[in-house]
N, C-alpha and C. Protein backbone atom coordinates (compact mmCIF):
# COMPACT_ATOMS: atom_id res chain seq x y z
N MET A 1 -9.68 5.35 15.98
CA MET A 1 -8.96 5.82 14.83
C MET A 1 -7.67 5.02 14.73
N TYR A 2 -7.36 4.61 13.51
CA TYR A 2 -6.11 3.89 13.25
C TYR A 2 -5.23 4.70 12.32
N ALA A 3 -3.94 4.65 12.55
CA ALA A 3 -2.95 5.27 11.67
C ALA A 3 -1.98 4.18 11.24
N TYR A 4 -1.70 4.14 9.94
CA TYR A 4 -0.79 3.14 9.38
C TYR A 4 0.45 3.85 8.87
N VAL A 5 1.61 3.36 9.27
CA VAL A 5 2.86 4.01 8.91
C VAL A 5 3.85 2.98 8.37
N GLY A 6 4.71 3.44 7.48
CA GLY A 6 5.80 2.62 7.01
C GLY A 6 7.06 2.94 7.80
N HIS A 7 7.82 1.93 8.16
CA HIS A 7 9.08 2.11 8.88
C HIS A 7 10.19 2.27 7.85
N ASP A 8 10.60 3.51 7.62
CA ASP A 8 11.60 3.83 6.60
C ASP A 8 12.99 3.80 7.23
N VAL A 9 13.84 2.88 6.76
CA VAL A 9 15.19 2.74 7.30
C VAL A 9 16.25 3.27 6.34
N SER A 10 15.82 3.98 5.30
CA SER A 10 16.74 4.46 4.28
C SER A 10 17.69 5.52 4.82
N GLU A 11 18.91 5.47 4.33
CA GLU A 11 19.89 6.51 4.63
C GLU A 11 20.26 7.27 3.36
N VAL A 12 19.52 7.03 2.29
CA VAL A 12 19.73 7.72 1.01
C VAL A 12 18.44 8.39 0.59
N GLU A 13 18.36 8.85 -0.66
CA GLU A 13 17.22 9.68 -1.06
C GLU A 13 15.94 8.94 -1.41
N TRP A 14 15.94 7.60 -1.58
CA TRP A 14 14.69 6.91 -1.86
C TRP A 14 14.24 6.16 -0.62
N TYR A 15 12.97 5.71 -0.67
CA TYR A 15 12.39 5.04 0.48
C TYR A 15 12.91 3.62 0.63
N SER A 16 13.03 3.19 1.86
CA SER A 16 13.39 1.81 2.19
C SER A 16 12.51 1.38 3.36
N ILE A 17 11.26 1.12 3.04
CA ILE A 17 10.29 0.74 4.07
C ILE A 17 10.31 -0.77 4.21
N THR A 18 10.69 -1.21 5.39
CA THR A 18 10.85 -2.65 5.63
C THR A 18 9.62 -3.28 6.28
N GLU A 19 8.78 -2.45 6.88
CA GLU A 19 7.58 -2.98 7.53
C GLU A 19 6.54 -1.88 7.67
N TYR A 20 5.29 -2.32 7.79
CA TYR A 20 4.18 -1.40 8.02
C TYR A 20 3.61 -1.67 9.41
N MET A 21 3.31 -0.58 10.12
CA MET A 21 2.86 -0.68 11.50
C MET A 21 1.53 0.03 11.68
N CYS A 22 0.80 -0.38 12.71
CA CYS A 22 -0.51 0.19 13.02
C CYS A 22 -0.49 0.79 14.42
N TYR A 23 -1.03 2.01 14.52
CA TYR A 23 -1.22 2.69 15.79
C TYR A 23 -2.70 3.02 15.94
N SER A 24 -3.16 3.17 17.18
CA SER A 24 -4.55 3.54 17.41
C SER A 24 -4.63 4.67 18.43
N SER A 25 -5.74 5.41 18.35
CA SER A 25 -5.98 6.50 19.29
C SER A 25 -7.48 6.67 19.49
N LYS A 26 -7.86 7.00 20.71
CA LYS A 26 -9.26 7.30 21.00
C LYS A 26 -9.53 8.80 20.97
N ASP A 27 -8.45 9.61 21.06
CA ASP A 27 -8.62 11.05 21.14
C ASP A 27 -7.76 11.84 20.14
N LEU A 28 -7.04 11.14 19.27
CA LEU A 28 -6.14 11.73 18.28
C LEU A 28 -4.98 12.51 18.89
N ILE A 29 -4.77 12.34 20.18
CA ILE A 29 -3.63 12.96 20.87
C ILE A 29 -2.68 11.89 21.38
N ASN A 30 -3.24 10.91 22.04
CA ASN A 30 -2.46 9.82 22.61
C ASN A 30 -2.55 8.61 21.68
N TRP A 31 -1.40 8.13 21.22
CA TRP A 31 -1.35 7.03 20.25
C TRP A 31 -0.68 5.81 20.87
N GLU A 32 -1.21 4.64 20.56
CA GLU A 32 -0.68 3.39 21.08
C GLU A 32 -0.30 2.47 19.92
N PHE A 33 0.90 1.90 20.00
CA PHE A 33 1.34 0.94 19.00
C PHE A 33 0.49 -0.32 19.13
N GLU A 34 -0.07 -0.78 18.00
CA GLU A 34 -0.89 -1.99 18.00
C GLU A 34 -0.13 -3.22 17.51
N ASN A 35 0.52 -3.08 16.33
CA ASN A 35 1.10 -4.27 15.72
C ASN A 35 1.94 -3.88 14.51
N THR A 36 2.93 -4.69 14.18
CA THR A 36 3.57 -4.63 12.88
C THR A 36 2.69 -5.48 11.97
N ILE A 37 1.95 -4.83 11.08
CA ILE A 37 0.92 -5.54 10.31
C ILE A 37 1.49 -6.31 9.12
N MET A 38 2.66 -5.88 8.62
CA MET A 38 3.28 -6.62 7.52
C MET A 38 4.77 -6.30 7.47
N ASN A 39 5.58 -7.33 7.27
CA ASN A 39 7.02 -7.20 7.13
C ASN A 39 7.37 -7.55 5.69
N MET A 40 8.01 -6.64 4.99
CA MET A 40 8.30 -6.85 3.56
C MET A 40 9.15 -8.10 3.32
N GLU A 41 10.17 -8.31 4.12
CA GLU A 41 11.06 -9.44 3.89
C GLU A 41 10.38 -10.78 4.18
N GLU A 42 9.59 -10.83 5.22
CA GLU A 42 8.96 -12.09 5.62
C GLU A 42 7.65 -12.37 4.88
N ASP A 43 6.91 -11.33 4.50
CA ASP A 43 5.54 -11.52 4.03
C ASP A 43 5.31 -11.29 2.54
N VAL A 44 6.30 -10.72 1.82
CA VAL A 44 6.10 -10.40 0.40
C VAL A 44 7.12 -11.19 -0.42
N SER A 45 6.78 -12.42 -0.75
CA SER A 45 7.74 -13.33 -1.39
C SER A 45 8.09 -12.92 -2.82
N TRP A 46 7.22 -12.21 -3.50
CA TRP A 46 7.44 -11.89 -4.92
C TRP A 46 8.25 -10.60 -5.12
N ALA A 47 8.45 -9.82 -4.08
CA ALA A 47 9.22 -8.57 -4.22
C ALA A 47 10.71 -8.89 -4.24
N ALA A 48 11.40 -8.46 -5.28
CA ALA A 48 12.83 -8.74 -5.41
C ALA A 48 13.64 -7.96 -4.38
N ALA A 49 13.31 -6.70 -4.20
CA ALA A 49 14.00 -5.87 -3.21
C ALA A 49 13.06 -5.73 -2.02
N ARG A 50 13.19 -6.58 -1.05
CA ARG A 50 12.22 -6.65 0.03
C ARG A 50 12.40 -5.57 1.09
N ASP A 51 13.27 -4.62 0.82
CA ASP A 51 13.37 -3.49 1.73
C ASP A 51 13.00 -2.19 1.02
N VAL A 52 12.35 -2.32 -0.12
CA VAL A 52 11.96 -1.14 -0.89
C VAL A 52 10.44 -1.14 -1.07
N ALA A 53 9.79 -0.24 -0.36
CA ALA A 53 8.34 -0.08 -0.50
C ALA A 53 8.02 1.38 -0.23
N TRP A 54 6.87 1.82 -0.69
CA TRP A 54 6.47 3.22 -0.50
C TRP A 54 4.99 3.35 -0.79
N ALA A 55 4.43 4.53 -0.51
CA ALA A 55 3.08 4.93 -0.89
C ALA A 55 2.03 3.87 -0.58
N SER A 56 1.71 3.72 0.69
CA SER A 56 0.71 2.74 1.09
C SER A 56 -0.56 3.40 1.59
N GLN A 57 -1.60 2.60 1.68
CA GLN A 57 -2.84 3.02 2.33
C GLN A 57 -3.60 1.76 2.74
N VAL A 58 -4.48 1.92 3.72
CA VAL A 58 -5.35 0.84 4.15
C VAL A 58 -6.78 1.29 3.91
N VAL A 59 -7.59 0.40 3.36
CA VAL A 59 -8.99 0.69 3.11
C VAL A 59 -9.83 -0.50 3.56
N LYS A 60 -11.00 -0.20 4.15
CA LYS A 60 -11.93 -1.25 4.54
C LYS A 60 -12.92 -1.46 3.40
N PHE A 61 -13.11 -2.71 3.02
CA PHE A 61 -14.02 -3.03 1.92
C PHE A 61 -14.66 -4.39 2.21
N LYS A 62 -15.98 -4.40 2.23
CA LYS A 62 -16.76 -5.63 2.47
C LYS A 62 -16.29 -6.39 3.70
N GLY A 63 -16.06 -5.65 4.78
CA GLY A 63 -15.73 -6.25 6.06
C GLY A 63 -14.29 -6.66 6.25
N GLN A 64 -13.44 -6.43 5.26
CA GLN A 64 -12.02 -6.75 5.41
C GLN A 64 -11.19 -5.50 5.19
N TYR A 65 -9.95 -5.55 5.66
CA TYR A 65 -9.03 -4.43 5.55
C TYR A 65 -7.95 -4.79 4.54
N TYR A 66 -7.70 -3.87 3.61
CA TYR A 66 -6.73 -4.10 2.54
C TYR A 66 -5.62 -3.07 2.63
N LEU A 67 -4.40 -3.55 2.68
CA LEU A 67 -3.21 -2.69 2.62
C LEU A 67 -2.72 -2.71 1.18
N LEU A 68 -2.73 -1.55 0.53
CA LEU A 68 -2.17 -1.40 -0.81
C LEU A 68 -0.82 -0.71 -0.66
N PHE A 69 0.20 -1.21 -1.35
CA PHE A 69 1.54 -0.65 -1.20
C PHE A 69 2.29 -0.78 -2.52
N CYS A 70 3.29 0.04 -2.70
CA CYS A 70 4.14 -0.02 -3.89
C CYS A 70 5.48 -0.65 -3.52
N THR A 71 6.01 -1.42 -4.45
CA THR A 71 7.33 -2.00 -4.31
C THR A 71 7.86 -2.28 -5.71
N THR A 72 8.95 -2.99 -5.81
CA THR A 72 9.52 -3.30 -7.11
C THR A 72 9.73 -4.81 -7.23
N THR A 73 9.69 -5.29 -8.45
CA THR A 73 9.87 -6.73 -8.69
C THR A 73 11.26 -7.04 -9.22
N ALA A 74 12.15 -6.05 -9.21
CA ALA A 74 13.55 -6.25 -9.63
C ALA A 74 14.41 -5.31 -8.80
N ASP A 75 15.72 -5.41 -8.97
CA ASP A 75 16.60 -4.51 -8.23
C ASP A 75 16.17 -3.07 -8.45
N TRP A 76 16.23 -2.27 -7.39
CA TRP A 76 15.71 -0.89 -7.43
C TRP A 76 16.26 -0.10 -8.62
N MET A 77 17.55 -0.14 -8.85
CA MET A 77 18.12 0.63 -9.95
C MET A 77 18.54 -0.28 -11.11
N GLY A 78 18.09 -1.52 -11.10
CA GLY A 78 18.45 -2.47 -12.15
C GLY A 78 17.78 -2.18 -13.47
N GLU A 79 18.30 -2.77 -14.53
CA GLU A 79 17.75 -2.56 -15.87
C GLU A 79 16.33 -3.07 -16.00
N ASN A 80 15.99 -4.11 -15.28
CA ASN A 80 14.67 -4.72 -15.41
C ASN A 80 13.72 -4.31 -14.31
N GLN A 81 13.94 -3.14 -13.75
CA GLN A 81 13.07 -2.67 -12.68
C GLN A 81 11.62 -2.62 -13.16
N GLU A 82 10.73 -3.10 -12.32
CA GLU A 82 9.31 -2.98 -12.62
C GLU A 82 8.58 -2.66 -11.32
N ASN A 83 7.96 -1.50 -11.27
CA ASN A 83 7.17 -1.14 -10.10
C ASN A 83 5.91 -1.98 -10.06
N ALA A 84 5.39 -2.16 -8.86
CA ALA A 84 4.19 -2.96 -8.69
C ALA A 84 3.39 -2.46 -7.51
N ILE A 85 2.08 -2.65 -7.58
CA ILE A 85 1.21 -2.42 -6.43
C ILE A 85 0.86 -3.79 -5.87
N GLY A 86 1.15 -3.95 -4.59
CA GLY A 86 0.81 -5.19 -3.90
C GLY A 86 -0.37 -4.98 -2.98
N VAL A 87 -0.98 -6.09 -2.57
CA VAL A 87 -2.14 -6.04 -1.69
C VAL A 87 -1.97 -7.09 -0.60
N ALA A 88 -2.30 -6.70 0.63
CA ALA A 88 -2.37 -7.63 1.75
C ALA A 88 -3.73 -7.42 2.42
N VAL A 89 -4.28 -8.47 2.98
CA VAL A 89 -5.64 -8.42 3.53
C VAL A 89 -5.66 -8.96 4.96
N CYS A 90 -6.61 -8.43 5.76
CA CYS A 90 -6.77 -8.86 7.14
C CYS A 90 -8.23 -8.68 7.55
N ASP A 91 -8.69 -9.49 8.49
CA ASP A 91 -10.06 -9.37 8.98
C ASP A 91 -10.22 -8.26 10.02
N THR A 92 -9.12 -7.82 10.61
CA THR A 92 -9.16 -6.76 11.61
C THR A 92 -8.21 -5.64 11.20
N PRO A 93 -8.45 -4.42 11.68
CA PRO A 93 -7.59 -3.30 11.25
C PRO A 93 -6.18 -3.35 11.81
N ASP A 94 -5.96 -4.10 12.88
CA ASP A 94 -4.65 -4.11 13.53
C ASP A 94 -4.02 -5.50 13.58
N GLY A 95 -4.50 -6.41 12.76
CA GLY A 95 -3.98 -7.78 12.77
C GLY A 95 -2.82 -7.98 11.83
N ASP A 96 -2.48 -9.24 11.61
CA ASP A 96 -1.41 -9.60 10.69
C ASP A 96 -1.97 -9.70 9.27
N PHE A 97 -1.57 -8.78 8.43
CA PHE A 97 -2.06 -8.75 7.05
C PHE A 97 -1.37 -9.85 6.24
N ARG A 98 -2.12 -10.55 5.40
CA ARG A 98 -1.59 -11.61 4.53
C ARG A 98 -1.47 -11.07 3.12
N CYS A 99 -0.26 -11.10 2.59
CA CYS A 99 0.00 -10.56 1.26
C CYS A 99 -0.46 -11.53 0.18
N TYR A 100 -1.04 -10.99 -0.89
CA TYR A 100 -1.38 -11.81 -2.06
C TYR A 100 -0.10 -12.43 -2.61
N GLU A 101 -0.22 -13.55 -3.28
CA GLU A 101 0.94 -14.29 -3.78
C GLU A 101 1.63 -13.64 -4.96
N ARG A 102 1.00 -12.64 -5.55
CA ARG A 102 1.62 -11.92 -6.66
C ARG A 102 1.11 -10.48 -6.67
N PRO A 103 1.78 -9.59 -7.41
CA PRO A 103 1.35 -8.19 -7.43
C PRO A 103 -0.04 -8.03 -8.03
N LEU A 104 -0.75 -7.01 -7.59
CA LEU A 104 -2.06 -6.69 -8.15
C LEU A 104 -1.90 -6.04 -9.52
N ILE A 105 -0.96 -5.09 -9.63
CA ILE A 105 -0.71 -4.36 -10.89
C ILE A 105 0.79 -4.23 -11.09
N LEU A 106 1.26 -4.49 -12.30
CA LEU A 106 2.66 -4.28 -12.68
C LEU A 106 2.76 -3.05 -13.57
N SER A 107 3.89 -2.36 -13.52
CA SER A 107 4.05 -1.17 -14.38
C SER A 107 3.98 -1.55 -15.86
N SER A 108 4.37 -2.78 -16.22
CA SER A 108 4.29 -3.19 -17.63
C SER A 108 2.84 -3.25 -18.12
N GLN A 109 1.89 -3.38 -17.21
CA GLN A 109 0.48 -3.39 -17.59
C GLN A 109 -0.03 -1.99 -17.91
N THR A 110 0.73 -0.97 -17.50
CA THR A 110 0.31 0.40 -17.73
C THR A 110 0.99 1.02 -18.94
N GLY A 111 2.02 0.35 -19.47
CA GLY A 111 2.77 0.91 -20.60
C GLY A 111 3.89 1.83 -20.17
N LEU A 112 4.09 2.00 -18.87
CA LEU A 112 5.15 2.88 -18.35
C LEU A 112 6.15 2.05 -17.58
N THR A 113 7.16 1.54 -18.26
CA THR A 113 8.16 0.68 -17.60
C THR A 113 9.53 1.34 -17.62
N GLY A 114 10.39 0.86 -16.74
CA GLY A 114 11.79 1.24 -16.76
C GLY A 114 12.11 2.60 -16.19
N THR A 115 11.15 3.26 -15.52
CA THR A 115 11.44 4.56 -14.93
C THR A 115 11.17 4.50 -13.44
N VAL A 116 11.99 5.17 -12.68
CA VAL A 116 11.81 5.19 -11.24
C VAL A 116 10.46 5.79 -10.88
N GLY A 117 10.02 6.81 -11.61
CA GLY A 117 8.74 7.43 -11.32
C GLY A 117 7.58 6.85 -12.09
N GLY A 118 7.80 5.78 -12.83
CA GLY A 118 6.74 5.19 -13.63
C GLY A 118 5.64 4.57 -12.79
N LEU A 119 4.46 4.52 -13.35
CA LEU A 119 3.34 3.92 -12.64
C LEU A 119 3.47 2.42 -12.64
N PRO A 120 2.90 1.68 -11.72
CA PRO A 120 2.13 2.23 -10.62
C PRO A 120 3.04 2.83 -9.55
N ASP A 121 2.67 4.00 -9.11
CA ASP A 121 3.50 4.73 -8.17
C ASP A 121 2.76 5.11 -6.90
N ARG A 122 1.47 5.30 -6.98
CA ARG A 122 0.66 5.65 -5.82
C ARG A 122 -0.63 4.84 -5.88
N PRO A 123 -0.82 3.90 -4.95
CA PRO A 123 -2.09 3.17 -4.97
C PRO A 123 -3.23 4.10 -4.58
N THR A 124 -4.37 3.86 -5.12
CA THR A 124 -5.54 4.66 -4.79
C THR A 124 -6.77 3.77 -4.84
N THR A 125 -7.82 4.16 -4.15
CA THR A 125 -9.05 3.38 -4.16
C THR A 125 -10.22 4.27 -4.49
N LEU A 126 -11.19 3.68 -5.12
CA LEU A 126 -12.46 4.36 -5.40
C LEU A 126 -13.54 3.31 -5.16
N ILE A 127 -14.39 3.58 -4.18
CA ILE A 127 -15.47 2.65 -3.87
C ILE A 127 -16.77 3.39 -4.09
N ARG A 128 -17.58 2.87 -4.98
CA ARG A 128 -18.86 3.50 -5.27
C ARG A 128 -19.99 2.59 -4.84
N ARG A 129 -21.05 3.20 -4.39
CA ARG A 129 -22.23 2.43 -4.04
C ARG A 129 -23.04 2.20 -5.29
N PRO A 130 -23.27 0.95 -5.68
CA PRO A 130 -24.00 0.68 -6.91
C PRO A 130 -25.45 1.15 -6.82
N GLY A 131 -25.99 1.57 -7.95
CA GLY A 131 -27.39 1.94 -8.04
C GLY A 131 -27.71 3.37 -7.69
N LEU A 132 -26.73 4.16 -7.30
CA LEU A 132 -27.00 5.56 -6.97
C LEU A 132 -26.73 6.46 -8.16
N ARG A 133 -27.61 7.46 -8.33
CA ARG A 133 -27.35 8.45 -9.37
C ARG A 133 -26.20 9.34 -8.91
N GLN A 134 -25.54 9.99 -9.87
CA GLN A 134 -24.37 10.83 -9.57
C GLN A 134 -24.66 11.84 -8.46
N THR A 135 -25.85 12.46 -8.46
CA THR A 135 -26.16 13.49 -7.47
C THR A 135 -26.41 12.89 -6.08
N GLU A 136 -26.60 11.58 -5.98
CA GLU A 136 -26.88 10.94 -4.69
C GLU A 136 -25.64 10.29 -4.10
N ARG A 137 -24.49 10.48 -4.67
CA ARG A 137 -23.31 9.76 -4.25
C ARG A 137 -22.56 10.41 -3.10
N ARG A 138 -23.21 11.20 -2.33
CA ARG A 138 -22.55 11.75 -1.14
C ARG A 138 -22.19 10.61 -0.22
N GLY A 139 -21.03 10.71 0.40
CA GLY A 139 -20.57 9.66 1.28
C GLY A 139 -19.76 8.60 0.57
N THR A 140 -19.64 8.73 -0.75
CA THR A 140 -18.81 7.79 -1.49
C THR A 140 -17.37 7.94 -1.05
N ASP A 141 -16.69 6.85 -0.85
CA ASP A 141 -15.31 6.85 -0.37
C ASP A 141 -14.38 7.03 -1.55
N VAL A 142 -13.68 8.15 -1.59
CA VAL A 142 -12.73 8.41 -2.66
C VAL A 142 -11.40 8.79 -2.02
N ARG A 143 -10.35 8.07 -2.39
CA ARG A 143 -9.01 8.38 -1.88
C ARG A 143 -8.06 8.51 -3.05
N ASP A 144 -7.27 9.54 -3.01
CA ASP A 144 -6.25 9.74 -4.04
C ASP A 144 -4.99 10.15 -3.33
N LEU A 145 -3.94 9.36 -3.49
CA LEU A 145 -2.73 9.61 -2.72
C LEU A 145 -1.65 10.36 -3.46
N GLY A 146 -1.98 11.11 -4.47
CA GLY A 146 -0.92 11.96 -4.99
C GLY A 146 -0.67 11.87 -6.46
N GLN A 147 0.61 11.95 -6.79
CA GLN A 147 1.09 12.18 -8.14
C GLN A 147 0.74 11.06 -9.10
N GLN A 148 0.69 11.46 -10.34
CA GLN A 148 0.56 10.49 -11.43
C GLN A 148 1.56 10.85 -12.50
């Protein structure tokens, strides 16, 4: 079992996640630190505020591991703030994730810009097995991380 956590260094009311880390456990009681899988300042070149990230998840898809995370492409409280969902990928669950060169989704693509709570705000995944009828879709991986 792997657990992925953001290292929040904020001393104010919003998140300031500077890095994402991976822990593992064989019994869900004893946890071992595996790796810092991504550092916002070093690995996310397109994020304007490289110490502002939130709402992440890791999902395995077609043999690779994807870290989806939220950040901003402008100053956090600036006039041109734009939230974004970023993606980083790795071949192993505890390795060094490589961030895509640009955001996957920008808030301007959703029509909700200029608000701290505007989308994209919570990354989510839906993986369906092709060719199955609706009643046969048991075991389909559905994750929803919260508010919209």
